[in-house]
Structures are given as structure tokens and as C-alpha cells.
PDB file of N, CA and C in Angstrom:
ATOM      1  N   UNK A   1      70.455 110.659 108.022  1.00  0.00           N
ATOM      2  CA  UNK A   1      70.405 110.108 106.679  1.00  0.00           C
ATOM      3  C   UNK A   1      69.316 109.034 106.628  1.00  0.00           C
ATOM      4  N   UNK A   2      68.512 109.100 105.598  1.00  0.00           N
ATOM      5  CA  UNK A   2      67.437 108.124 105.416  1.00  0.00           C
ATOM      6  C   UNK A   2      68.002 106.786 104.928  1.00  0.00           C
ATOM      7  N   UNK A   3      67.327 105.708 105.282  1.00  0.00           N
ATOM      8  CA  UNK A   3      67.753 104.372 104.882  1.00  0.00           C
ATOM      9  C   UNK A   3      67.854 104.251 103.360  1.00  0.00           C
ATOM     10  N   UNK A   4      66.844 104.775 102.664  1.00  0.00           N
ATOM     11  CA  UNK A   4      66.808 104.662 101.204  1.00  0.00           C
ATOM     12  C   UNK A   4      68.004 105.375 100.565  1.00  0.00           C
ATOM     13  N   UNK A   5      68.322 106.543 101.072  1.00  0.00           N
ATOM     14  CA  UNK A   5      69.451 107.312 100.548  1.00  0.00           C
ATOM     15  C   UNK A   5      70.767 106.583 100.822  1.00  0.00           C
ATOM     16  N   UNK A   6      70.914 106.054 102.025  1.00  0.00           N
ATOM     17  CA  UNK A   6      72.126 105.306 102.381  1.00  0.00           C
ATOM     18  C   UNK A   6      72.262 104.063 101.507  1.00  0.00           C
ATOM     19  N   UNK A   7      71.166 103.355 101.308  1.00  0.00           N
ATOM     20  CA  UNK A   7      71.208 102.140 100.490  1.00  0.00           C
ATOM     21  C   UNK A   7      71.633 102.461  99.066  1.00  0.00           C
ATOM     22  N   UNK A   8      71.148 103.574  98.505  1.00  0.00           N
ATOM     23  CA  UNK A   8      71.541 103.969  97.158  1.00  0.00           C
ATOM     24  C   UNK A   8      73.020 104.272  97.064  1.00  0.00           C
ATOM     25  N   UNK A   9      73.549 104.944  98.067  1.00  0.00           N
ATOM     26  CA  UNK A   9      74.976 105.252  98.081  1.00  0.00           C
ATOM     27  C   UNK A   9      75.832 104.007  98.206  1.00  0.00           C
ATOM     28  N   UNK A  10      75.444 103.117  99.104  1.00  0.00           N
ATOM     29  CA  UNK A  10      76.217 101.885  99.269  1.00  0.00           C
ATOM     30  C   UNK A  10      76.101 100.991  98.040  1.00  0.00           C
ATOM     31  N   UNK A  11      74.942 100.988  97.401  1.00  0.00           N
ATOM     32  CA  UNK A  11      74.773 100.208  96.170  1.00  0.00           C
ATOM     33  C   UNK A  11      75.680 100.739  95.064  1.00  0.00           C
ATOM     34  N   UNK A  12      75.809 102.056  94.986  1.00  0.00           N
ATOM     35  CA  UNK A  12      76.677 102.652  93.968  1.00  0.00           C
ATOM     36  C   UNK A  12      78.129 102.263  94.191  1.00  0.00           C
ATOM     37  N   UNK A  13      78.501 102.032  95.427  1.00  0.00           N
ATOM     38  CA  UNK A  13      79.874 101.603  95.724  1.00  0.00           C
ATOM     39  C   UNK A  13      80.045 100.103  95.559  1.00  0.00           C
ATOM     40  N   UNK A  14      78.971  99.410  95.224  1.00  0.00           N
ATOM     41  CA  UNK A  14      78.973  97.955  95.198  1.00  0.00           C
ATOM     42  C   UNK A  14      79.643  97.320  93.995  1.00  0.00           C
ATOM     43  N   UNK A  15      80.439  98.054  93.292  1.00  0.00           N
ATOM     44  CA  UNK A  15      81.184  97.537  92.153  1.00  0.00           C
ATOM     45  C   UNK A  15      82.658  97.788  92.414  1.00  0.00           C
ATOM     46  N   UNK A  16      83.489  96.818  92.119  1.00  0.00           N
ATOM     47  CA  UNK A  16      84.926  96.979  92.326  1.00  0.00           C
ATOM     48  C   UNK A  16      85.458  98.190  91.559  1.00  0.00           C
ATOM     49  N   UNK A  17      84.987  98.375  90.340  1.00  0.00           N
ATOM     50  CA  UNK A  17      85.457  99.495  89.521  1.00  0.00           C
ATOM     51  C   UNK A  17      85.022 100.831  90.109  1.00  0.00           C
ATOM     52  N   UNK A  18      83.754 100.941  90.534  1.00  0.00           N
ATOM     53  CA  UNK A  18      83.279 102.200  91.101  1.00  0.00           C
ATOM     54  C   UNK A  18      83.964 102.489  92.435  1.00  0.00           C
ATOM     55  N   UNK A  19      84.216 101.455  93.200  1.00  0.00           N
ATOM     56  CA  UNK A  19      84.929 101.636  94.453  1.00  0.00           C
ATOM     57  C   UNK A  19      86.355 102.122  94.184  1.00  0.00           C
ATOM     58  N   UNK A  20      86.986 101.599  93.133  1.00  0.00           N
ATOM     59  CA  UNK A  20      88.331 102.049  92.760  1.00  0.00           C
ATOM     60  C   UNK A  20      88.319 103.519  92.331  1.00  0.00           C
ATOM     61  N   UNK A  21      87.312 103.914  91.579  1.00  0.00           N
ATOM     62  CA  UNK A  21      87.177 105.305  91.148  1.00  0.00           C
ATOM     63  C   UNK A  21      86.964 106.205  92.358  1.00  0.00           C
ATOM     64  N   UNK A  22      86.071 105.822  93.248  1.00  0.00           N
ATOM     65  CA  UNK A  22      85.787 106.619  94.429  1.00  0.00           C
ATOM     66  C   UNK A  22      87.026 106.751  95.310  1.00  0.00           C
ATOM     67  N   UNK A  23      87.724 105.670  95.487  1.00  0.00           N
ATOM     68  CA  UNK A  23      88.945 105.708  96.301  1.00  0.00           C
ATOM     69  C   UNK A  23      89.998 106.611  95.666  1.00  0.00           C
ATOM     70  N   UNK A  24      90.105 106.547  94.356  1.00  0.00           N
ATOM     71  CA  UNK A  24      91.021 107.405  93.610  1.00  0.00           C
ATOM     72  C   UNK A  24      90.681 108.873  93.849  1.00  0.00           C
ATOM     73  N   UNK A  25      89.406 109.196  93.830  1.00  0.00           N
ATOM     74  CA  UNK A  25      88.977 110.578  94.044  1.00  0.00           C
ATOM     75  C   UNK A  25      89.164 111.014  95.492  1.00  0.00           C
ATOM     76  N   UNK A  26      88.957 110.115  96.417  1.00  0.00           N
ATOM     77  CA  UNK A  26      89.188 110.433  97.825  1.00  0.00           C
ATOM     78  C   UNK A  26      90.663 110.766  98.025  1.00  0.00           C
ATOM     79  N   UNK A  27      91.528 109.970  97.414  1.00  0.00           N
ATOM     80  CA  UNK A  27      92.969 110.200  97.537  1.00  0.00           C
ATOM     81  C   UNK A  27      93.396 111.509  96.872  1.00  0.00           C
ATOM     82  N   UNK A  28      92.696 111.913  95.836  1.00  0.00           N
ATOM     83  CA  UNK A  28      93.067 113.113  95.076  1.00  0.00           C
ATOM     84  C   UNK A  28      92.817 114.394  95.853  1.00  0.00           C
ATOM     85  N   UNK A  29      91.894 114.382  96.784  1.00  0.00           N
ATOM     86  CA  UNK A  29      91.625 115.564  97.586  1.00  0.00           C
ATOM     87  C   UNK A  29      90.616 116.500  96.955  1.00  0.00           C
ATOM     88  N   UNK A  30      90.523 117.689  97.529  1.00  0.00           N
ATOM     89  CA  UNK A  30      89.502 118.667  97.160  1.00  0.00           C
ATOM     90  C   UNK A  30      89.604 119.154  95.717  1.00  0.00           C
ATOM     91  N   UNK A  31      90.782 119.136  95.130  1.00  0.00           N
ATOM     92  CA  UNK A  31      90.953 119.611  93.757  1.00  0.00           C
ATOM     93  C   UNK A  31      90.301 118.721  92.727  1.00  0.00           C
ATOM     94  N   UNK A  32      90.139 117.454  93.079  1.00  0.00           N
ATOM     95  CA  UNK A  32      89.526 116.501  92.160  1.00  0.00           C
ATOM     96  C   UNK A  32      90.430 116.129  91.004  1.00  0.00           C
ATOM     97  N   UNK A  33      89.878 115.373  90.091  1.00  0.00           N
ATOM     98  CA  UNK A  33      90.608 114.890  88.922  1.00  0.00           C
ATOM     99  C   UNK A  33      89.741 114.981  87.680  1.00  0.00           C
ATOM    100  N   UNK A  34      90.389 115.195  86.553  1.00  0.00           N
ATOM    101  CA  UNK A  34      89.689 115.116  85.273  1.00  0.00           C
ATOM    102  C   UNK A  34      89.569 113.648  84.895  1.00  0.00           C
ATOM    103  N   UNK A  35      88.654 113.360  83.994  1.00  0.00           N
ATOM    104  CA  UNK A  35      88.379 111.984  83.593  1.00  0.00           C
ATOM    105  C   UNK A  35      89.647 111.274  83.130  1.00  0.00           C
ATOM    106  N   UNK A  36      90.463 111.940  82.312  1.00  0.00           N
ATOM    107  CA  UNK A  36      91.663 111.282  81.804  1.00  0.00           C
ATOM    108  C   UNK A  36      92.652 110.945  82.925  1.00  0.00           C
ATOM    109  N   UNK A  37      92.666 111.743  83.992  1.00  0.00           N
ATOM    110  CA  UNK A  37      93.532 111.442  85.134  1.00  0.00           C
ATOM    111  C   UNK A  37      93.022 110.219  85.896  1.00  0.00           C
ATOM    112  N   UNK A  38      91.705 110.135  86.056  1.00  0.00           N
ATOM    113  CA  UNK A  38      91.114 108.970  86.728  1.00  0.00           C
ATOM    114  C   UNK A  38      91.383 107.723  85.899  1.00  0.00           C
ATOM    115  N   UNK A  39      91.218 107.849  84.603  1.00  0.00           N
ATOM    116  CA  UNK A  39      91.449 106.718  83.698  1.00  0.00           C
ATOM    117  C   UNK A  39      92.899 106.240  83.803  1.00  0.00           C
ATOM    118  N   UNK A  40      93.836 107.167  83.843  1.00  0.00           N
ATOM    119  CA  UNK A  40      95.253 106.799  83.931  1.00  0.00           C
ATOM    120  C   UNK A  40      95.564 106.094  85.249  1.00  0.00           C
ATOM    121  N   UNK A  41      94.912 106.519  86.315  1.00  0.00           N
ATOM    122  CA  UNK A  41      95.181 105.944  87.636  1.00  0.00           C
ATOM    123  C   UNK A  41      94.475 104.612  87.869  1.00  0.00           C
ATOM    124  N   UNK A  42      93.329 104.424  87.216  1.00  0.00           N
ATOM    125  CA  UNK A  42      92.559 103.200  87.456  1.00  0.00           C
ATOM    126  C   UNK A  42      92.667 102.179  86.329  1.00  0.00           C
ATOM    127  N   UNK A  43      92.991 102.646  85.128  1.00  0.00           N
ATOM    128  CA  UNK A  43      93.061 101.745  83.988  1.00  0.00           C
ATOM    129  C   UNK A  43      91.699 101.364  83.423  1.00  0.00           C
ATOM    130  N   UNK A  44      90.657 102.046  83.847  1.00  0.00           N
ATOM    131  CA  UNK A  44      89.306 101.760  83.361  1.00  0.00           C
ATOM    132  C   UNK A  44      89.117 102.452  82.016  1.00  0.00           C
ATOM    133  N   UNK A  45      88.563 101.736  81.056  1.00  0.00           N
ATOM    134  CA  UNK A  45      88.327 102.289  79.715  1.00  0.00           C
ATOM    135  C   UNK A  45      87.447 103.535  79.803  1.00  0.00           C
ATOM    136  N   UNK A  46      87.717 104.547  78.975  1.00  0.00           N
ATOM    137  CA  UNK A  46      86.978 105.814  79.055  1.00  0.00           C
ATOM    138  C   UNK A  46      85.458 105.676  79.008  1.00  0.00           C
ATOM    139  N   UNK A  47      84.930 104.862  78.122  1.00  0.00           N
ATOM    140  CA  UNK A  47      83.468 104.749  78.030  1.00  0.00           C
ATOM    141  C   UNK A  47      82.884 104.091  79.284  1.00  0.00           C
ATOM    142  N   UNK A  48      83.577 103.109  79.807  1.00  0.00           N
ATOM    143  CA  UNK A  48      83.136 102.451  81.042  1.00  0.00           C
ATOM    144  C   UNK A  48      83.269 103.399  82.221  1.00  0.00           C
ATOM    145  N   UNK A  49      84.341 104.161  82.239  1.00  0.00           N
ATOM    146  CA  UNK A  49      84.576 105.128  83.313  1.00  0.00           C
ATOM    147  C   UNK A  49      83.473 106.177  83.349  1.00  0.00           C
ATOM    148  N   UNK A  50      83.067 106.651  82.191  1.00  0.00           N
ATOM    149  CA  UNK A  50      81.979 107.640  82.117  1.00  0.00           C
ATOM    150  C   UNK A  50      80.712 107.090  82.767  1.00  0.00           C
ATOM    151  N   UNK A  51      80.418 105.829  82.505  1.00  0.00           N
ATOM    152  CA  UNK A  51      79.246 105.165  83.099  1.00  0.00           C
ATOM    153  C   UNK A  51      79.371 105.126  84.624  1.00  0.00           C
ATOM    154  N   UNK A  52      80.533 104.732  85.125  1.00  0.00           N
ATOM    155  CA  UNK A  52      80.744 104.644  86.570  1.00  0.00           C
ATOM    156  C   UNK A  52      80.656 106.018  87.228  1.00  0.00           C
ATOM    157  N   UNK A  53      81.229 107.028  86.591  1.00  0.00           N
ATOM    158  CA  UNK A  53      81.166 108.381  87.137  1.00  0.00           C
ATOM    159  C   UNK A  53      79.728 108.883  87.213  1.00  0.00           C
ATOM    160  N   UNK A  54      78.946 108.561  86.192  1.00  0.00           N
ATOM    161  CA  UNK A  54      77.539 108.975  86.180  1.00  0.00           C
ATOM    162  C   UNK A  54      76.780 108.339  87.345  1.00  0.00           C
ATOM    163  N   UNK A  55      77.022 107.064  87.594  1.00  0.00           N
ATOM    164  CA  UNK A  55      76.347 106.381  88.700  1.00  0.00           C
ATOM    165  C   UNK A  55      76.777 106.939  90.051  1.00  0.00           C
ATOM    166  N   UNK A  56      78.068 107.201  90.211  1.00  0.00           N
ATOM    167  CA  UNK A  56      78.563 107.757  91.471  1.00  0.00           C
ATOM    168  C   UNK A  56      77.998 109.158  91.706  1.00  0.00           C
ATOM    169  N   UNK A  57      77.910 109.944  90.631  1.00  0.00           N
ATOM    170  CA  UNK A  57      77.362 111.297  90.749  1.00  0.00           C
ATOM    171  C   UNK A  57      75.871 111.255  91.077  1.00  0.00           C
ATOM    172  N   UNK A  58      75.137 110.368  90.429  1.00  0.00           N
ATOM    173  CA  UNK A  58      73.693 110.299  90.684  1.00  0.00           C
ATOM    174  C   UNK A  58      73.392 109.785  92.089  1.00  0.00           C
ATOM    175  N   UNK A  59      74.310 109.032  92.668  1.00  0.00           N
ATOM    176  CA  UNK A  59      74.142 108.561  94.046  1.00  0.00           C
ATOM    177  C   UNK A  59      74.602 109.611  95.053  1.00  0.00           C
ATOM    178  N   UNK A  60      75.156 110.719  94.563  1.00  0.00           N
ATOM    179  CA  UNK A  60      75.593 111.790  95.440  1.00  0.00           C
ATOM    180  C   UNK A  60      76.945 111.561  96.094  1.00  0.00           C
ATOM    181  N   UNK A  61      77.722 110.623  95.570  1.00  0.00           N
ATOM    182  CA  UNK A  61      79.015 110.309  96.173  1.00  0.00           C
ATOM    183  C   UNK A  61      80.148 111.161  95.626  1.00  0.00           C
ATOM    184  N   UNK A  62      79.953 111.692  94.404  1.00  0.00           N
ATOM    185  CA  UNK A  62      80.963 112.569  93.825  1.00  0.00           C
ATOM    186  C   UNK A  62      80.299 113.830  93.299  1.00  0.00           C
ATOM    187  N   UNK A  63      81.091 114.866  93.196  1.00  0.00           N
ATOM    188  CA  UNK A  63      80.646 116.125  92.623  1.00  0.00           C
ATOM    189  C   UNK A  63      81.391 116.338  91.314  1.00  0.00           C
ATOM    190  N   UNK A  64      80.723 116.929  90.341  1.00  0.00           N
ATOM    191  CA  UNK A  64      81.350 117.215  89.058  1.00  0.00           C
ATOM    192  C   UNK A  64      81.204 118.703  88.780  1.00  0.00           C
ATOM    193  N   UNK A  65      82.308 119.332  88.401  1.00  0.00           N
ATOM    194  CA  UNK A  65      82.258 120.758  88.078  1.00  0.00           C
ATOM    195  C   UNK A  65      82.981 120.995  86.765  1.00  0.00           C
ATOM    196  N   UNK A  66      82.407 121.896  85.981  1.00  0.00           N
ATOM    197  CA  UNK A  66      82.960 122.263  84.677  1.00  0.00           C
ATOM    198  C   UNK A  66      83.857 123.472  84.831  1.00  0.00           C
ATOM    199  N   UNK A  67      84.995 123.421  84.193  1.00  0.00           N
ATOM    200  CA  UNK A  67      85.893 124.569  84.076  1.00  0.00           C
ATOM    201  C   UNK A  67      86.313 124.605  82.615  1.00  0.00           C
ATOM    202  N   UNK A  68      85.672 125.485  81.864  1.00  0.00           N
ATOM    203  CA  UNK A  68      85.913 125.515  80.431  1.00  0.00           C
ATOM    204  C   UNK A  68      85.417 124.228  79.811  1.00  0.00           C
ATOM    205  N   UNK A  69      86.288 123.555  79.113  1.00  0.00           N
ATOM    206  CA  UNK A  69      85.928 122.267  78.489  1.00  0.00           C
ATOM    207  C   UNK A  69      86.212 121.072  79.384  1.00  0.00           C
ATOM    208  N   UNK A  70      86.815 121.324  80.513  1.00  0.00           N
ATOM    209  CA  UNK A  70      87.207 120.239  81.420  1.00  0.00           C
ATOM    210  C   UNK A  70      86.155 120.024  82.499  1.00  0.00           C
ATOM    211  N   UNK A  71      85.975 118.772  82.860  1.00  0.00           N
ATOM    212  CA  UNK A  71      85.105 118.405  83.968  1.00  0.00           C
ATOM    213  C   UNK A  71      85.971 117.792  85.049  1.00  0.00           C
ATOM    214  N   UNK A  72      85.877 118.368  86.242  1.00  0.00           N
ATOM    215  CA  UNK A  72      86.609 117.848  87.388  1.00  0.00           C
ATOM    216  C   UNK A  72      85.653 117.049  88.255  1.00  0.00           C
ATOM    217  N   UNK A  73      86.119 115.928  88.716  1.00  0.00           N
ATOM    218  CA  UNK A  73      85.347 115.043  89.576  1.00  0.00           C
ATOM    219  C   UNK A  73      85.995 115.044  90.948  1.00  0.00           C
ATOM    220  N   UNK A  74      85.164 115.205  91.983  1.00  0.00           N
ATOM    221  CA  UNK A  74      85.655 115.274  93.350  1.00  0.00           C
ATOM    222  C   UNK A  74      84.779 114.396  94.235  1.00  0.00           C
ATOM    223  N   UNK A  75      85.397 113.713  95.170  1.00  0.00           N
ATOM    224  CA  UNK A  75      84.623 112.962  96.155  1.00  0.00           C
ATOM    225  C   UNK A  75      83.805 113.951  96.975  1.00  0.00           C
ATOM    226  N   UNK A  76      82.571 113.606  97.272  1.00  0.00           N
ATOM    227  CA  UNK A  76      81.735 114.440  98.128  1.00  0.00           C
ATOM    228  C   UNK A  76      81.981 113.982  99.567  1.00  0.00           C
ATOM    229  N   UNK A  77      82.984 114.619 100.184  1.00  0.00           N
ATOM    230  CA  UNK A  77      83.417 114.198 101.515  1.00  0.00           C
ATOM    231  C   UNK A  77      82.312 114.307 102.552  1.00  0.00           C
ATOM    232  N   UNK A  78      81.467 115.323 102.455  1.00  0.00           N
ATOM    233  CA  UNK A  78      80.369 115.473 103.411  1.00  0.00           C
ATOM    234  C   UNK A  78      79.411 114.287 103.311  1.00  0.00           C
ATOM    235  N   UNK A  79      79.102 113.889 102.093  1.00  0.00           N
ATOM    236  CA  UNK A  79      78.201 112.748 101.881  1.00  0.00           C
ATOM    237  C   UNK A  79      78.841 111.455 102.376  1.00  0.00           C
ATOM    238  N   UNK A  80      80.109 111.265 102.063  1.00  0.00           N
ATOM    239  CA  UNK A  80      80.809 110.058 102.497  1.00  0.00           C
ATOM    240  C   UNK A  80      80.901 109.991 104.021  1.00  0.00           C
ATOM    241  N   UNK A  81      81.082 111.144 104.660  1.00  0.00           N
ATOM    242  CA  UNK A  81      81.123 111.189 106.119  1.00  0.00           C
ATOM    243  C   UNK A  81      79.758 110.806 106.691  1.00  0.00           C
ATOM    244  N   UNK A  82      78.684 111.312 106.089  1.00  0.00           N
ATOM    245  CA  UNK A  82      77.334 110.955 106.554  1.00  0.00           C
ATOM    246  C   UNK A  82      77.091 109.460 106.416  1.00  0.00           C
ATOM    247  N   UNK A  83      77.577 108.879 105.321  1.00  0.00           N
ATOM    248  CA  UNK A  83      77.386 107.446 105.126  1.00  0.00           C
ATOM    249  C   UNK A  83      78.171 106.646 106.159  1.00  0.00           C
ATOM    250  N   UNK A  84      79.386 107.068 106.449  1.00  0.00           N
ATOM    251  CA  UNK A  84      80.182 106.389 107.472  1.00  0.00           C
ATOM    252  C   UNK A  84      79.505 106.503 108.833  1.00  0.00           C
ATOM    253  N   UNK A  85      79.000 107.688 109.152  1.00  0.00           N
ATOM    254  CA  UNK A  85      78.300 107.884 110.420  1.00  0.00           C
ATOM    255  C   UNK A  85      77.030 107.043 110.476  1.00  0.00           C
ATOM    256  N   UNK A  86      76.328 106.927 109.352  1.00  0.00           N
ATOM    257  CA  UNK A  86      75.105 106.124 109.301  1.00  0.00           C
ATOM    258  C   UNK A  86      75.409 104.670 109.632  1.00  0.00           C
ATOM    259  N   UNK A  87      76.442 104.128 108.989  1.00  0.00           N
ATOM    260  CA  UNK A  87      76.731 102.707 109.164  1.00  0.00           C
ATOM    261  C   UNK A  87      77.325 102.420 110.546  1.00  0.00           C
ATOM    262  N   UNK A  88      77.978 103.415 111.140  1.00  0.00           N
ATOM    263  CA  UNK A  88      78.607 103.208 112.448  1.00  0.00           C
ATOM    264  C   UNK A  88      77.773 103.755 113.611  1.00  0.00           C
ATOM    265  N   UNK A  89      76.629 104.337 113.323  1.00  0.00           N
ATOM    266  CA  UNK A  89      75.838 105.013 114.353  1.00  0.00           C
ATOM    267  C   UNK A  89      75.390 104.095 115.480  1.00  0.00           C
ATOM    268  N   UNK A  90      75.221 102.853 115.209  1.00  0.00           N
ATOM    269  CA  UNK A  90      74.778 101.937 116.251  1.00  0.00           C
ATOM    270  C   UNK A  90      75.829 100.882 116.544  1.00  0.00           C
ATOM    271  N   UNK A  91      77.066 101.283 116.372  1.00  0.00           N
ATOM    272  CA  UNK A  91      78.175 100.361 116.605  1.00  0.00           C
ATOM    273  C   UNK A  91      78.063  99.731 117.989  1.00  0.00           C
ATOM    274  N   UNK A  92      78.081  98.433 118.016  1.00  0.00           N
ATOM    275  CA  UNK A  92      78.120  97.633 119.246  1.00  0.00           C
ATOM    276  C   UNK A  92      76.864  97.761 120.101  1.00  0.00           C
ATOM    277  N   UNK A  93      75.770  98.272 119.538  1.00  0.00           N
ATOM    278  CA  UNK A  93      74.540  98.471 120.310  1.00  0.00           C
ATOM    279  C   UNK A  93      73.991  97.159 120.865  1.00  0.00           C
ATOM    280  N   UNK A  94      74.183  96.079 120.159  1.00  0.00           N
ATOM    281  CA  UNK A  94      73.668  94.790 120.608  1.00  0.00           C
ATOM    282  C   UNK A  94      74.761  93.884 121.157  1.00  0.00           C
ATOM    283  N   UNK A  95      75.902  94.459 121.435  1.00  0.00           N
ATOM    284  CA  UNK A  95      77.024  93.680 121.942  1.00  0.00           C
ATOM    285  C   UNK A  95      76.707  93.164 123.337  1.00  0.00           C
ATOM    286  N   UNK A  96      76.900  91.888 123.538  1.00  0.00           N
ATOM    287  CA  UNK A  96      76.674  91.276 124.837  1.00  0.00           C
ATOM    288  C   UNK A  96      78.048  91.013 125.448  1.00  0.00           C
ATOM    289  N   UNK A  97      78.300  91.560 126.624  1.00  0.00           N
ATOM    290  CA  UNK A  97      79.593  91.322 127.259  1.00  0.00           C
ATOM    291  C   UNK A  97      79.866  89.837 127.430  1.00  0.00           C
ATOM    292  N   UNK A  98      81.109  89.459 127.316  1.00  0.00           N
ATOM    293  CA  UNK A  98      81.519  88.055 127.394  1.00  0.00           C
ATOM    294  C   UNK A  98      81.085  87.441 128.724  1.00  0.00           C
ATOM    295  N   UNK A  99      81.157  88.175 129.797  1.00  0.00           N
ATOM    296  CA  UNK A  99      80.792  87.666 131.116  1.00  0.00           C
ATOM    297  C   UNK A  99      79.335  87.235 131.139  1.00  0.00           C
ATOM    298  N   UNK A 100      78.425  88.023 130.523  1.00  0.00           N
ATOM    299  CA  UNK A 100      77.000  87.682 130.504  1.00  0.00           C
ATOM    300  C   UNK A 100      76.755  86.426 129.704  1.00  0.00           C
ATOM    301  N   UNK A 101      77.456  86.253 128.605  1.00  0.00           N
ATOM    302  CA  UNK A 101      77.300  85.048 127.788  1.00  0.00           C
ATOM    303  C   UNK A 101      77.768  83.836 128.557  1.00  0.00           C
ATOM    304  N   UNK A 102      78.885  83.946 129.266  1.00  0.00           N
ATOM    305  CA  UNK A 102      79.434  82.847 130.029  1.00  0.00           C
ATOM    306  C   UNK A 102      78.506  82.431 131.174  1.00  0.00           C
ATOM    307  N   UNK A 103      77.844  83.385 131.798  1.00  0.00           N
ATOM    308  CA  UNK A 103      76.943  83.098 132.928  1.00  0.00           C
ATOM    309  C   UNK A 103      75.581  82.604 132.482  1.00  0.00           C
ATOM    310  N   UNK A 104      75.251  82.791 131.193  1.00  0.00           N
ATOM    311  CA  UNK A 104      73.953  82.365 130.658  1.00  0.00           C
ATOM    312  C   UNK A 104      73.848  80.853 130.610  1.00  0.00           C
ATOM    313  N   UNK A 105      74.944  80.193 130.318  1.00  0.00           N
ATOM    314  CA  UNK A 105      74.905  78.778 130.016  1.00  0.00           C
ATOM    315  C   UNK A 105      74.794  77.954 131.190  1.00  0.00           C
TER     316      UNK A 105
END
């Protein structure tokens, strides 16, 4: 994953409301939720929710699919997994063992 792409995804999650929407969709599973279901679970006003969904979709964090007149929103688990792997890829790479720090002084 490129730095720019990761930064865009993390920026999209940088709002309490968008994070609540994303978490709601993660909990919902592969079937996703319609807008009115997300609204009922999060309490976010419909017009504001539409804005948040658009930002999450444009950042690639959620997928939207039409079925008739209904739009289902689903967390993009593959993308979220890549973002988690990106942020954890160098976990503890610069960790200095306690013994080395103690002997330095």
C-alpha cells in the first residue's frame, strides 16, 4: 500500500462520526446496511450521513451496491486489512531492549 493511499484512508476515518459509521458497517458483516439502518444505529442525520458515506466510499473504505432502489453499504474488509497491515508492518522495528538502554547510561 502506498503512503498516499494509506494517508487518505486514515484521514477519512479521522472523524468521530465517520469512524462510528465504519464501525457500524464492520459489525454488520458482508451483507452491509442500507442508509436508514446506519442512521438508526448511529443517530446521524440523513443528510450528514450521506456526506460521511460519500467520503468513506471515495477513500475506498466502504463499498456501495445498488439493489433496485436500495443502496447497501459494506465495509471493504480487504482494504481495511491492508490498512491495518500497513500501520503494523514495522511494529517494534526500532524497539530497543530494556537491557541495552540500562547499559547505555
